[in-house]
Amino acid sequence: MPTPTTPPARWLPFVVLGLGLTAISFGAIFARLAQAEGVDSLVVATWRLGIAALAVTPIALLQSRRDLAALSGRQVLMALAAGLFLAAHFATWISSLEYTSVASSTALVTTNPLWIGLASFLLFRETPTRMMLGGIALSFGGSLLIFWSDSQNAGAGADPLFGNLLALIGSWCFSAYLLIGRRLRAGLGLAAYIWLAYGVAALFLVSASGISGSALTGHSVVAWAVLAGMALGPQLLGHTAYNWSLRHVSATFVAVVTLGEPVGSAAMAWVFFGEGFAPLQLAGFVLLLGGIYLAARGER
């Protein structure tokens, strides 16, 4: 007879979430540092997912060999689709950091609760709550303020409007990845799911890097250290902490905690790169985060 699992101490999930949030907040900083070392954005995305997939391979093969061997044709197609959208998410979001500020990029790329809510209404006819509708309206207004502020601010980046658009596209791709991955994850263990999603995404990015002529090797020691840190910190530690916490706290609470990512990233960008806020950008930032909070609370 199996022994029941002892639940963790009440404070532990909150500590784990805090560590995960801190790790994920370093993602944009690591990406910027790698770009400063001359690593192409596609290559940064490739190694972030590739190193993470390699790190989790022994665990997936030991724990989930039967699940992986028994994959149906439908699950394989879902894994390919999820990996494609995850690859597109990281390629567009990391590229956005070349053109716009860390604050604007991370704020816009974390709008996925809004798009998932809209997709649930359009695809599955789930009626959004008033709180969800209010969150969408607030976030839309905040996004417009960020776009407008960046278009008027010469210090916002090389091409802030293009960078902000890339970040939004990254959020749309991540929303599609979550919608597909949620169904795929239902029939797979965590290690098998992560290995499939990260591995397939990395293979798509390797192909994209080859087509674009981007060099996957030949980088400096500092660049390799940054790429490894990005894969093991934000990707594996951060996302795994969120996934583990979902068994012990509500999904809504985890979604609200993720709102700390753009705040943490913006604070670190101020420390490392001297990036501040324009007043209008800050107002948009607050509206956007408030809207995502309402959308998360209004999720059925």
C-alpha atoms as a PDB file:
ATOM      1  CA  MET A   1       0.000   0.000   0.000  1.00  0.00           C
ATOM      2  CA  PRO A   2       1.590   3.341  -1.053  1.00  0.00           C
ATOM      3  CA  THR A   3       2.540   5.717   1.722  1.00  0.00           C
ATOM      4  CA  PRO A   4       0.699   9.044   1.455  1.00  0.00           C
ATOM      5  CA  THR A   5       2.927  11.950   0.516  1.00  0.00           C
ATOM      6  CA  THR A   6       3.554  14.367   3.374  1.00  0.00           C
ATOM      7  CA  PRO A   7       2.513  17.865   2.334  1.00  0.00           C
ATOM      8  CA  PRO A   8       5.272  20.491   2.500  1.00  0.00           C
ATOM      9  CA  ALA A   9       5.374  23.162   5.187  1.00  0.00           C
ATOM     10  CA  ARG A  10       2.908  25.979   4.484  1.00  0.00           C
ATOM     11  CA  TRP A  11       5.670  28.504   3.894  1.00  0.00           C
ATOM     12  CA  LEU A  12       7.684  26.347   1.477  1.00  0.00           C
ATOM     13  CA  PRO A  13       5.628  26.962  -1.732  1.00  0.00           C
ATOM     14  CA  PHE A  14       5.935  30.718  -1.188  1.00  0.00           C
ATOM     15  CA  VAL A  15       9.712  30.479  -0.775  1.00  0.00           C
ATOM     16  CA  VAL A  16       9.954  28.294  -3.891  1.00  0.00           C
ATOM     17  CA  LEU A  17       7.815  30.778  -5.850  1.00  0.00           C
ATOM     18  CA  GLY A  18      10.036  33.620  -4.685  1.00  0.00           C
ATOM     19  CA  LEU A  19      13.171  31.778  -5.834  1.00  0.00           C
ATOM     20  CA  GLY A  20      11.505  30.960  -9.158  1.00  0.00           C
ATOM     21  CA  LEU A  21      10.473  34.578  -9.676  1.00  0.00           C
ATOM     22  CA  THR A  22      14.007  35.800  -8.926  1.00  0.00           C
ATOM     23  CA  ALA A  23      15.503  33.285 -11.368  1.00  0.00           C
ATOM     24  CA  ILE A  24      13.047  34.123 -14.155  1.00  0.00           C
ATOM     25  CA  SER A  25      13.583  37.869 -13.674  1.00  0.00           C
ATOM     26  CA  PHE A  26      17.221  37.370 -14.687  1.00  0.00           C
ATOM     27  CA  GLY A  27      16.155  36.049 -18.127  1.00  0.00           C
ATOM     28  CA  ALA A  28      16.140  39.430 -19.882  1.00  0.00           C
ATOM     29  CA  ILE A  29      19.402  40.450 -18.168  1.00  0.00           C
ATOM     30  CA  PHE A  30      21.168  37.268 -19.317  1.00  0.00           C
ATOM     31  CA  ALA A  31      19.819  37.777 -22.849  1.00  0.00           C
ATOM     32  CA  ARG A  32      21.140  41.346 -22.976  1.00  0.00           C
ATOM     33  CA  LEU A  33      24.542  40.240 -21.672  1.00  0.00           C
ATOM     34  CA  ALA A  34      24.759  37.483 -24.301  1.00  0.00           C
ATOM     35  CA  GLN A  35      23.807  39.946 -27.050  1.00  0.00           C
ATOM     36  CA  ALA A  36      26.531  42.295 -25.770  1.00  0.00           C
ATOM     37  CA  GLU A  37      28.999  39.414 -26.266  1.00  0.00           C
ATOM     38  CA  GLY A  38      27.984  39.256 -29.922  1.00  0.00           C
ATOM     39  CA  VAL A  39      25.667  36.241 -29.696  1.00  0.00           C
ATOM     40  CA  ASP A  40      22.779  36.441 -32.170  1.00  0.00           C
ATOM     41  CA  SER A  41      19.300  36.510 -30.601  1.00  0.00           C
ATOM     42  CA  LEU A  42      18.268  33.287 -32.362  1.00  0.00           C
ATOM     43  CA  VAL A  43      21.347  31.581 -30.961  1.00  0.00           C
ATOM     44  CA  VAL A  44      20.596  32.882 -27.450  1.00  0.00           C
ATOM     45  CA  ALA A  45      17.116  31.329 -27.698  1.00  0.00           C
ATOM     46  CA  THR A  46      18.554  28.097 -29.122  1.00  0.00           C
ATOM     47  CA  TRP A  47      21.039  27.547 -26.325  1.00  0.00           C
ATOM     48  CA  ARG A  48      18.609  28.617 -23.595  1.00  0.00           C
ATOM     49  CA  LEU A  49      16.289  25.774 -24.585  1.00  0.00           C
ATOM     50  CA  GLY A  50      18.964  23.385 -25.851  1.00  0.00           C
ATOM     51  CA  ILE A  51      21.040  23.372 -22.657  1.00  0.00           C
ATOM     52  CA  ALA A  52      17.866  23.061 -20.565  1.00  0.00           C
ATOM     53  CA  ALA A  53      16.706  20.077 -22.662  1.00  0.00           C
ATOM     54  CA  LEU A  54      20.115  18.389 -22.346  1.00  0.00           C
ATOM     55  CA  ALA A  55      20.124  18.933 -18.579  1.00  0.00           C
ATOM     56  CA  VAL A  56      16.711  17.297 -18.129  1.00  0.00           C
ATOM     57  CA  THR A  57      17.383  14.383 -20.555  1.00  0.00           C
ATOM     58  CA  PRO A  58      18.742  11.883 -17.954  1.00  0.00           C
ATOM     59  CA  ILE A  59      15.778  12.540 -15.636  1.00  0.00           C
ATOM     60  CA  ALA A  60      13.244  12.196 -18.464  1.00  0.00           C
ATOM     61  CA  LEU A  61      14.768   8.953 -19.714  1.00  0.00           C
ATOM     62  CA  LEU A  62      14.957   7.454 -16.222  1.00  0.00           C
ATOM     63  CA  GLN A  63      11.503   8.515 -15.036  1.00  0.00           C
ATOM     64  CA  SER A  64       9.411   8.672 -18.194  1.00  0.00           C
ATOM     65  CA  ARG A  65      10.721   6.115 -20.682  1.00  0.00           C
ATOM     66  CA  ARG A  66       7.385   4.309 -20.815  1.00  0.00           C
ATOM     67  CA  ASP A  67       5.420   7.525 -21.333  1.00  0.00           C
ATOM     68  CA  LEU A  68       7.757   8.608 -24.125  1.00  0.00           C
ATOM     69  CA  ALA A  69       7.707   5.188 -25.800  1.00  0.00           C
ATOM     70  CA  ALA A  70       3.895   5.118 -25.698  1.00  0.00           C
ATOM     71  CA  LEU A  71       3.362   8.538 -27.286  1.00  0.00           C
ATOM     72  CA  SER A  72       0.457   8.525 -29.729  1.00  0.00           C
ATOM     73  CA  GLY A  73       0.558  10.181 -33.138  1.00  0.00           C
ATOM     74  CA  ARG A  74      -1.704  12.946 -31.790  1.00  0.00           C
ATOM     75  CA  GLN A  75       0.649  13.586 -28.863  1.00  0.00           C
ATOM     76  CA  VAL A  76       3.636  13.768 -31.220  1.00  0.00           C
ATOM     77  CA  LEU A  77       1.833  16.355 -33.374  1.00  0.00           C
ATOM     78  CA  MET A  78       0.901  18.337 -30.254  1.00  0.00           C
ATOM     79  CA  ALA A  79       4.517  18.226 -29.072  1.00  0.00           C
ATOM     80  CA  LEU A  80       5.684  19.536 -32.460  1.00  0.00           C
ATOM     81  CA  ALA A  81       3.126  22.359 -32.342  1.00  0.00           C
ATOM     82  CA  ALA A  82       3.941  23.260 -28.729  1.00  0.00           C
ATOM     83  CA  GLY A  83       7.675  23.248 -29.486  1.00  0.00           C
ATOM     84  CA  LEU A  84       7.177  25.430 -32.570  1.00  0.00           C
ATOM     85  CA  PHE A  85       5.257  28.073 -30.604  1.00  0.00           C
ATOM     86  CA  LEU A  86       7.738  27.939 -27.707  1.00  0.00           C
ATOM     87  CA  ALA A  87      10.612  28.436 -30.154  1.00  0.00           C
ATOM     88  CA  ALA A  88       8.806  31.378 -31.767  1.00  0.00           C
ATOM     89  CA  HIS A  89       8.122  32.862 -28.319  1.00  0.00           C
ATOM     90  CA  PHE A  90      11.776  32.936 -27.290  1.00  0.00           C
ATOM     91  CA  ALA A  91      13.029  33.970 -30.729  1.00  0.00           C
ATOM     92  CA  THR A  92      10.724  37.004 -30.905  1.00  0.00           C
ATOM     93  CA  TRP A  93      10.980  38.027 -27.245  1.00  0.00           C
ATOM     94  CA  ILE A  94      14.785  37.799 -27.031  1.00  0.00           C
ATOM     95  CA  SER A  95      15.042  39.653 -30.354  1.00  0.00           C
ATOM     96  CA  SER A  96      12.793  42.396 -28.940  1.00  0.00           C
ATOM     97  CA  LEU A  97      15.474  43.181 -26.342  1.00  0.00           C
ATOM     98  CA  GLU A  98      17.720  44.435 -29.152  1.00  0.00           C
ATOM     99  CA  TYR A  99      15.224  47.188 -29.970  1.00  0.00           C
ATOM    100  CA  THR A 100      13.317  48.230 -26.833  1.00  0.00           C
ATOM    101  CA  SER A 101      13.832  48.569 -23.087  1.00  0.00           C
ATOM    102  CA  VAL A 102      13.838  45.583 -20.744  1.00  0.00           C
ATOM    103  CA  ALA A 103      10.860  47.072 -18.863  1.00  0.00           C
ATOM    104  CA  SER A 104       8.666  47.457 -21.960  1.00  0.00           C
ATOM    105  CA  SER A 105       9.673  44.087 -23.393  1.00  0.00           C
ATOM    106  CA  THR A 106       9.048  42.052 -20.237  1.00  0.00           C
ATOM    107  CA  ALA A 107       5.818  43.899 -19.440  1.00  0.00           C
ATOM    108  CA  LEU A 108       4.370  43.208 -22.895  1.00  0.00           C
ATOM    109  CA  VAL A 109       5.579  39.617 -23.161  1.00  0.00           C
ATOM    110  CA  THR A 110       3.827  38.680 -19.890  1.00  0.00           C
ATOM    111  CA  THR A 111       0.370  39.645 -21.196  1.00  0.00           C
ATOM    112  CA  ASN A 112      -0.440  36.024 -22.065  1.00  0.00           C
ATOM    113  CA  PRO A 113      -3.294  35.682 -19.484  1.00  0.00           C
ATOM    114  CA  LEU A 114      -5.214  38.228 -21.582  1.00  0.00           C
ATOM    115  CA  TRP A 115      -4.712  36.389 -24.860  1.00  0.00           C
ATOM    116  CA  ILE A 116      -5.563  33.038 -23.284  1.00  0.00           C
ATOM    117  CA  GLY A 117      -8.790  34.561 -21.986  1.00  0.00           C
ATOM    118  CA  LEU A 118      -9.643  35.901 -25.438  1.00  0.00           C
ATOM    119  CA  ALA A 119      -8.730  32.605 -27.100  1.00  0.00           C
ATOM    120  CA  SER A 120     -10.920  30.704 -24.629  1.00  0.00           C
ATOM    121  CA  PHE A 121     -13.836  32.935 -25.631  1.00  0.00           C
ATOM    122  CA  LEU A 122     -13.214  32.764 -29.396  1.00  0.00           C
ATOM    123  CA  LEU A 123     -12.249  29.091 -29.641  1.00  0.00           C
ATOM    124  CA  PHE A 124     -14.106  27.439 -26.762  1.00  0.00           C
ATOM    125  CA  ARG A 125     -17.002  29.911 -26.289  1.00  0.00           C
ATOM    126  CA  GLU A 126     -16.142  30.435 -22.621  1.00  0.00           C
ATOM    127  CA  THR A 127     -17.845  33.655 -21.515  1.00  0.00           C
ATOM    128  CA  PRO A 128     -15.307  36.016 -19.904  1.00  0.00           C
ATOM    129  CA  THR A 129     -16.092  37.408 -16.476  1.00  0.00           C
ATOM    130  CA  ARG A 130     -16.474  41.114 -15.847  1.00  0.00           C
ATOM    131  CA  MET A 131     -13.137  41.081 -14.062  1.00  0.00           C
ATOM    132  CA  MET A 132     -11.503  39.492 -17.119  1.00  0.00           C
ATOM    133  CA  LEU A 133     -13.053  42.129 -19.414  1.00  0.00           C
ATOM    134  CA  GLY A 134     -11.894  44.892 -17.086  1.00  0.00           C
ATOM    135  CA  GLY A 135      -8.388  43.415 -17.054  1.00  0.00           C
ATOM    136  CA  ILE A 136      -8.292  43.296 -20.852  1.00  0.00           C
ATOM    137  CA  ALA A 137      -9.416  46.925 -21.095  1.00  0.00           C
ATOM    138  CA  LEU A 138      -6.842  48.109 -18.532  1.00  0.00           C
ATOM    139  CA  SER A 139      -4.024  46.156 -20.148  1.00  0.00           C
ATOM    140  CA  PHE A 140      -4.913  47.413 -23.612  1.00  0.00           C
ATOM    141  CA  GLY A 141      -4.751  50.978 -22.311  1.00  0.00           C
ATOM    142  CA  GLY A 142      -1.436  50.294 -20.581  1.00  0.00           C
ATOM    143  CA  SER A 143       0.020  48.766 -23.760  1.00  0.00           C
ATOM    144  CA  LEU A 144      -1.002  51.823 -25.770  1.00  0.00           C
ATOM    145  CA  LEU A 145       0.689  54.116 -23.236  1.00  0.00           C
ATOM    146  CA  ILE A 146       3.908  52.066 -23.401  1.00  0.00           C
ATOM    147  CA  PHE A 147       3.878  52.146 -27.214  1.00  0.00           C
ATOM    148  CA  TRP A 148       3.187  55.885 -27.252  1.00  0.00           C
ATOM    149  CA  SER A 149       5.817  56.688 -24.621  1.00  0.00           C
ATOM    150  CA  ASP A 150       8.488  54.625 -26.358  1.00  0.00           C
ATOM    151  CA  SER A 151       7.718  56.254 -29.703  1.00  0.00           C
ATOM    152  CA  GLN A 152       8.385  59.680 -28.121  1.00  0.00           C
ATOM    153  CA  ASN A 153      11.403  58.673 -26.034  1.00  0.00           C
ATOM    154  CA  ALA A 154      14.722  58.642 -27.909  1.00  0.00           C
ATOM    155  CA  GLY A 155      16.342  56.570 -25.160  1.00  0.00           C
ATOM    156  CA  ALA A 156      13.794  53.742 -25.310  1.00  0.00           C
ATOM    157  CA  GLY A 157      15.872  51.633 -27.699  1.00  0.00           C
ATOM    158  CA  ALA A 158      17.061  51.298 -31.283  1.00  0.00           C
ATOM    159  CA  ASP A 159      13.502  50.834 -32.620  1.00  0.00           C
ATOM    160  CA  PRO A 160      11.136  50.616 -29.630  1.00  0.00           C
ATOM    161  CA  LEU A 161       7.907  50.227 -31.594  1.00  0.00           C
ATOM    162  CA  PHE A 162       9.312  47.245 -33.500  1.00  0.00           C
ATOM    163  CA  GLY A 163      10.751  45.802 -30.284  1.00  0.00           C
ATOM    164  CA  ASN A 164       7.422  46.178 -28.478  1.00  0.00           C
ATOM    165  CA  LEU A 165       5.635  44.478 -31.369  1.00  0.00           C
ATOM    166  CA  LEU A 166       8.089  41.568 -31.206  1.00  0.00           C
ATOM    167  CA  ALA A 167       7.423  41.257 -27.468  1.00  0.00           C
ATOM    168  CA  LEU A 168       3.672  41.151 -28.093  1.00  0.00           C
ATOM    169  CA  ILE A 169       4.117  38.488 -30.775  1.00  0.00           C
ATOM    170  CA  GLY A 170       6.199  36.563 -28.242  1.00  0.00           C
ATOM    171  CA  SER A 171       3.293  36.736 -25.802  1.00  0.00           C
ATOM    172  CA  TRP A 172       0.836  35.481 -28.444  1.00  0.00           C
ATOM    173  CA  CYS A 173       3.148  32.550 -29.243  1.00  0.00           C
ATOM    174  CA  PHE A 174       3.540  31.703 -25.553  1.00  0.00           C
ATOM    175  CA  SER A 175      -0.240  31.743 -25.134  1.00  0.00           C
ATOM    176  CA  ALA A 176      -0.582  29.222 -27.978  1.00  0.00           C
ATOM    177  CA  TYR A 177       2.154  27.108 -26.389  1.00  0.00           C
ATOM    178  CA  LEU A 178       0.302  27.101 -23.050  1.00  0.00           C
ATOM    179  CA  LEU A 179      -3.042  26.181 -24.626  1.00  0.00           C
ATOM    180  CA  ILE A 180      -1.499  23.244 -26.511  1.00  0.00           C
ATOM    181  CA  GLY A 181       0.870  22.273 -23.715  1.00  0.00           C
ATOM    182  CA  ARG A 182      -1.923  22.141 -21.148  1.00  0.00           C
ATOM    183  CA  ARG A 183      -3.590  19.325 -23.106  1.00  0.00           C
ATOM    184  CA  LEU A 184      -0.299  17.539 -23.776  1.00  0.00           C
ATOM    185  CA  ARG A 185       0.786  17.827 -20.126  1.00  0.00           C
ATOM    186  CA  ALA A 186      -2.426  16.075 -18.975  1.00  0.00           C
ATOM    187  CA  GLY A 187      -1.106  12.731 -20.254  1.00  0.00           C
ATOM    188  CA  LEU A 188       2.599  13.168 -19.466  1.00  0.00           C
ATOM    189  CA  GLY A 189       4.798  13.490 -16.414  1.00  0.00           C
ATOM    190  CA  LEU A 190       6.561  16.802 -15.805  1.00  0.00           C
ATOM    191  CA  ALA A 191      10.036  15.609 -16.848  1.00  0.00           C
ATOM    192  CA  ALA A 192       8.747  14.034 -20.081  1.00  0.00           C
ATOM    193  CA  TYR A 193       6.722  17.123 -20.956  1.00  0.00           C
ATOM    194  CA  ILE A 194       9.587  19.549 -20.310  1.00  0.00           C
ATOM    195  CA  TRP A 195      12.032  17.385 -22.269  1.00  0.00           C
ATOM    196  CA  LEU A 196       9.693  17.166 -25.251  1.00  0.00           C
ATOM    197  CA  ALA A 197       8.729  20.853 -25.268  1.00  0.00           C
ATOM    198  CA  TYR A 198      12.242  22.215 -24.751  1.00  0.00           C
ATOM    199  CA  GLY A 199      13.874  19.660 -27.038  1.00  0.00           C
ATOM    200  CA  VAL A 200      11.475  20.182 -29.958  1.00  0.00           C
ATOM    201  CA  ALA A 201      11.717  23.964 -29.572  1.00  0.00           C
ATOM    202  CA  ALA A 202      15.517  23.773 -29.548  1.00  0.00           C
ATOM    203  CA  LEU A 203      15.515  21.689 -32.752  1.00  0.00           C
ATOM    204  CA  PHE A 204      13.308  24.273 -34.492  1.00  0.00           C
ATOM    205  CA  LEU A 205      15.668  27.027 -33.347  1.00  0.00           C
ATOM    206  CA  VAL A 206      18.741  25.106 -34.512  1.00  0.00           C
ATOM    207  CA  SER A 207      17.141  24.882 -37.958  1.00  0.00           C
ATOM    208  CA  ALA A 208      16.234  28.592 -37.909  1.00  0.00           C
ATOM    209  CA  SER A 209      19.782  29.518 -36.874  1.00  0.00           C
ATOM    210  CA  GLY A 210      21.200  27.430 -39.719  1.00  0.00           C
ATOM    211  CA  ILE A 211      18.871  29.007 -42.274  1.00  0.00           C
ATOM    212  CA  SER A 212      19.732  32.521 -41.064  1.00  0.00           C
ATOM    213  CA  GLY A 213      23.470  31.778 -41.036  1.00  0.00           C
ATOM    214  CA  SER A 214      23.828  32.445 -37.297  1.00  0.00           C
ATOM    215  CA  ALA A 215      26.851  30.775 -35.669  1.00  0.00           C
ATOM    216  CA  LEU A 216      25.933  28.355 -32.885  1.00  0.00           C
ATOM    217  CA  THR A 217      29.541  27.966 -31.707  1.00  0.00           C
ATOM    218  CA  GLY A 218      32.714  30.026 -31.477  1.00  0.00           C
ATOM    219  CA  HIS A 219      31.535  32.283 -28.658  1.00  0.00           C
ATOM    220  CA  SER A 220      33.588  33.725 -25.813  1.00  0.00           C
ATOM    221  CA  VAL A 221      33.918  32.045 -22.414  1.00  0.00           C
ATOM    222  CA  VAL A 222      31.790  34.822 -20.909  1.00  0.00           C
ATOM    223  CA  ALA A 223      29.083  34.228 -23.529  1.00  0.00           C
ATOM    224  CA  TRP A 224      28.983  30.482 -22.802  1.00  0.00           C
ATOM    225  CA  ALA A 225      28.748  31.176 -19.056  1.00  0.00           C
ATOM    226  CA  VAL A 226      25.842  33.568 -19.633  1.00  0.00           C
ATOM    227  CA  LEU A 227      24.042  31.090 -21.924  1.00  0.00           C
ATOM    228  CA  ALA A 228      24.469  28.282 -19.391  1.00  0.00           C
ATOM    229  CA  GLY A 229      23.252  30.548 -16.599  1.00  0.00           C
ATOM    230  CA  MET A 230      20.178  31.483 -18.630  1.00  0.00           C
ATOM    231  CA  ALA A 231      19.303  27.850 -19.304  1.00  0.00           C
ATOM    232  CA  LEU A 232      19.871  26.566 -15.771  1.00  0.00           C
ATOM    233  CA  GLY A 233      18.489  29.616 -13.928  1.00  0.00           C
ATOM    234  CA  PRO A 234      15.490  31.277 -15.601  1.00  0.00           C
ATOM    235  CA  GLN A 235      14.563  28.261 -17.742  1.00  0.00           C
ATOM    236  CA  LEU A 236      15.018  25.233 -15.499  1.00  0.00           C
ATOM    237  CA  LEU A 237      15.007  26.595 -11.952  1.00  0.00           C
ATOM    238  CA  GLY A 238      12.449  29.349 -12.569  1.00  0.00           C
ATOM    239  CA  HIS A 239       9.867  27.460 -14.604  1.00  0.00           C
ATOM    240  CA  THR A 240      10.270  24.244 -12.605  1.00  0.00           C
ATOM    241  CA  ALA A 241       9.609  26.202  -9.390  1.00  0.00           C
ATOM    242  CA  TYR A 242       6.354  27.513 -10.881  1.00  0.00           C
ATOM    243  CA  ASN A 243       5.295  24.038 -12.030  1.00  0.00           C
ATOM    244  CA  TRP A 244       6.062  22.496  -8.634  1.00  0.00           C
ATOM    245  CA  SER A 245       4.155  25.240  -6.791  1.00  0.00           C
ATOM    246  CA  LEU A 246       1.011  24.598  -8.851  1.00  0.00           C
ATOM    247  CA  ARG A 247       0.424  21.443  -6.793  1.00  0.00           C
ATOM    248  CA  HIS A 248       0.355  23.415  -3.545  1.00  0.00           C
ATOM    249  CA  VAL A 249      -1.150  26.853  -4.324  1.00  0.00           C
ATOM    250  CA  SER A 250      -3.814  28.012  -6.764  1.00  0.00           C
ATOM    251  CA  ALA A 251      -3.058  28.666 -10.423  1.00  0.00           C
ATOM    252  CA  THR A 252      -4.446  32.185  -9.962  1.00  0.00           C
ATOM    253  CA  PHE A 253      -1.934  32.896  -7.201  1.00  0.00           C
ATOM    254  CA  VAL A 254       0.929  31.638  -9.390  1.00  0.00           C
ATOM    255  CA  ALA A 255      -0.334  33.817 -12.258  1.00  0.00           C
ATOM    256  CA  VAL A 256      -0.352  36.843  -9.955  1.00  0.00           C
ATOM    257  CA  VAL A 257       3.186  36.053  -8.749  1.00  0.00           C
ATOM    258  CA  THR A 258       4.407  36.054 -12.359  1.00  0.00           C
ATOM    259  CA  LEU A 259       3.483  39.752 -12.486  1.00  0.00           C
ATOM    260  CA  GLY A 260       6.638  40.292 -10.452  1.00  0.00           C
ATOM    261  CA  GLU A 261       8.782  39.246 -13.426  1.00  0.00           C
ATOM    262  CA  PRO A 262       8.645  42.554 -15.344  1.00  0.00           C
ATOM    263  CA  VAL A 263       9.064  44.445 -12.073  1.00  0.00           C
ATOM    264  CA  GLY A 264      12.128  42.396 -11.129  1.00  0.00           C
ATOM    265  CA  SER A 265      13.581  42.586 -14.636  1.00  0.00           C
ATOM    266  CA  ALA A 266      13.027  46.349 -14.801  1.00  0.00           C
ATOM    267  CA  ALA A 267      14.743  46.817 -11.428  1.00  0.00           C
ATOM    268  CA  MET A 268      17.710  44.728 -12.552  1.00  0.00           C
ATOM    269  CA  ALA A 269      17.893  46.607 -15.868  1.00  0.00           C
ATOM    270  CA  TRP A 270      18.108  49.845 -13.877  1.00  0.00           C
ATOM    271  CA  VAL A 271      20.977  48.391 -11.806  1.00  0.00           C
ATOM    272  CA  PHE A 272      22.916  46.732 -14.664  1.00  0.00           C
ATOM    273  CA  PHE A 273      22.137  48.959 -17.655  1.00  0.00           C
ATOM    274  CA  GLY A 274      20.949  52.239 -16.125  1.00  0.00           C
ATOM    275  CA  GLU A 275      17.512  51.961 -17.767  1.00  0.00           C
ATOM    276  CA  GLY A 276      14.961  54.228 -16.108  1.00  0.00           C
ATOM    277  CA  PHE A 277      11.270  54.921 -16.728  1.00  0.00           C
ATOM    278  CA  ALA A 278       9.681  57.743 -18.670  1.00  0.00           C
ATOM    279  CA  PRO A 279       6.597  59.004 -16.737  1.00  0.00           C
ATOM    280  CA  LEU A 280       4.119  57.878 -19.411  1.00  0.00           C
ATOM    281  CA  GLN A 281       5.855  54.516 -19.749  1.00  0.00           C
ATOM    282  CA  LEU A 282       5.622  54.010 -15.985  1.00  0.00           C
ATOM    283  CA  ALA A 283       1.889  54.812 -16.054  1.00  0.00           C
ATOM    284  CA  GLY A 284       1.399  52.264 -18.853  1.00  0.00           C
ATOM    285  CA  PHE A 285       3.458  49.749 -16.917  1.00  0.00           C
ATOM    286  CA  VAL A 286       1.207  50.100 -13.846  1.00  0.00           C
ATOM    287  CA  LEU A 287      -2.002  49.879 -15.915  1.00  0.00           C
ATOM    288  CA  LEU A 288      -0.742  46.819 -17.771  1.00  0.00           C
ATOM    289  CA  LEU A 289       0.218  44.929 -14.612  1.00  0.00           C
ATOM    290  CA  GLY A 290      -3.074  45.897 -12.967  1.00  0.00           C
ATOM    291  CA  GLY A 291      -4.963  44.592 -15.986  1.00  0.00           C
ATOM    292  CA  ILE A 292      -3.116  41.269 -15.972  1.00  0.00           C
ATOM    293  CA  TYR A 293      -3.830  40.953 -12.239  1.00  0.00           C
ATOM    294  CA  LEU A 294      -7.563  41.466 -12.827  1.00  0.00           C
ATOM    295  CA  ALA A 295      -7.517  38.986 -15.720  1.00  0.00           C
ATOM    296  CA  ALA A 296      -5.799  36.371 -13.556  1.00  0.00           C
ATOM    297  CA  ARG A 297      -8.329  36.911 -10.768  1.00  0.00           C
ATOM    298  CA  GLY A 298     -11.187  36.702 -13.255  1.00  0.00           C
ATOM    299  CA  GLU A 299     -10.041  33.434 -14.815  1.00  0.00           C
ATOM    300  CA  ARG A 300     -12.637  30.709 -14.297  1.00  0.00           C
END
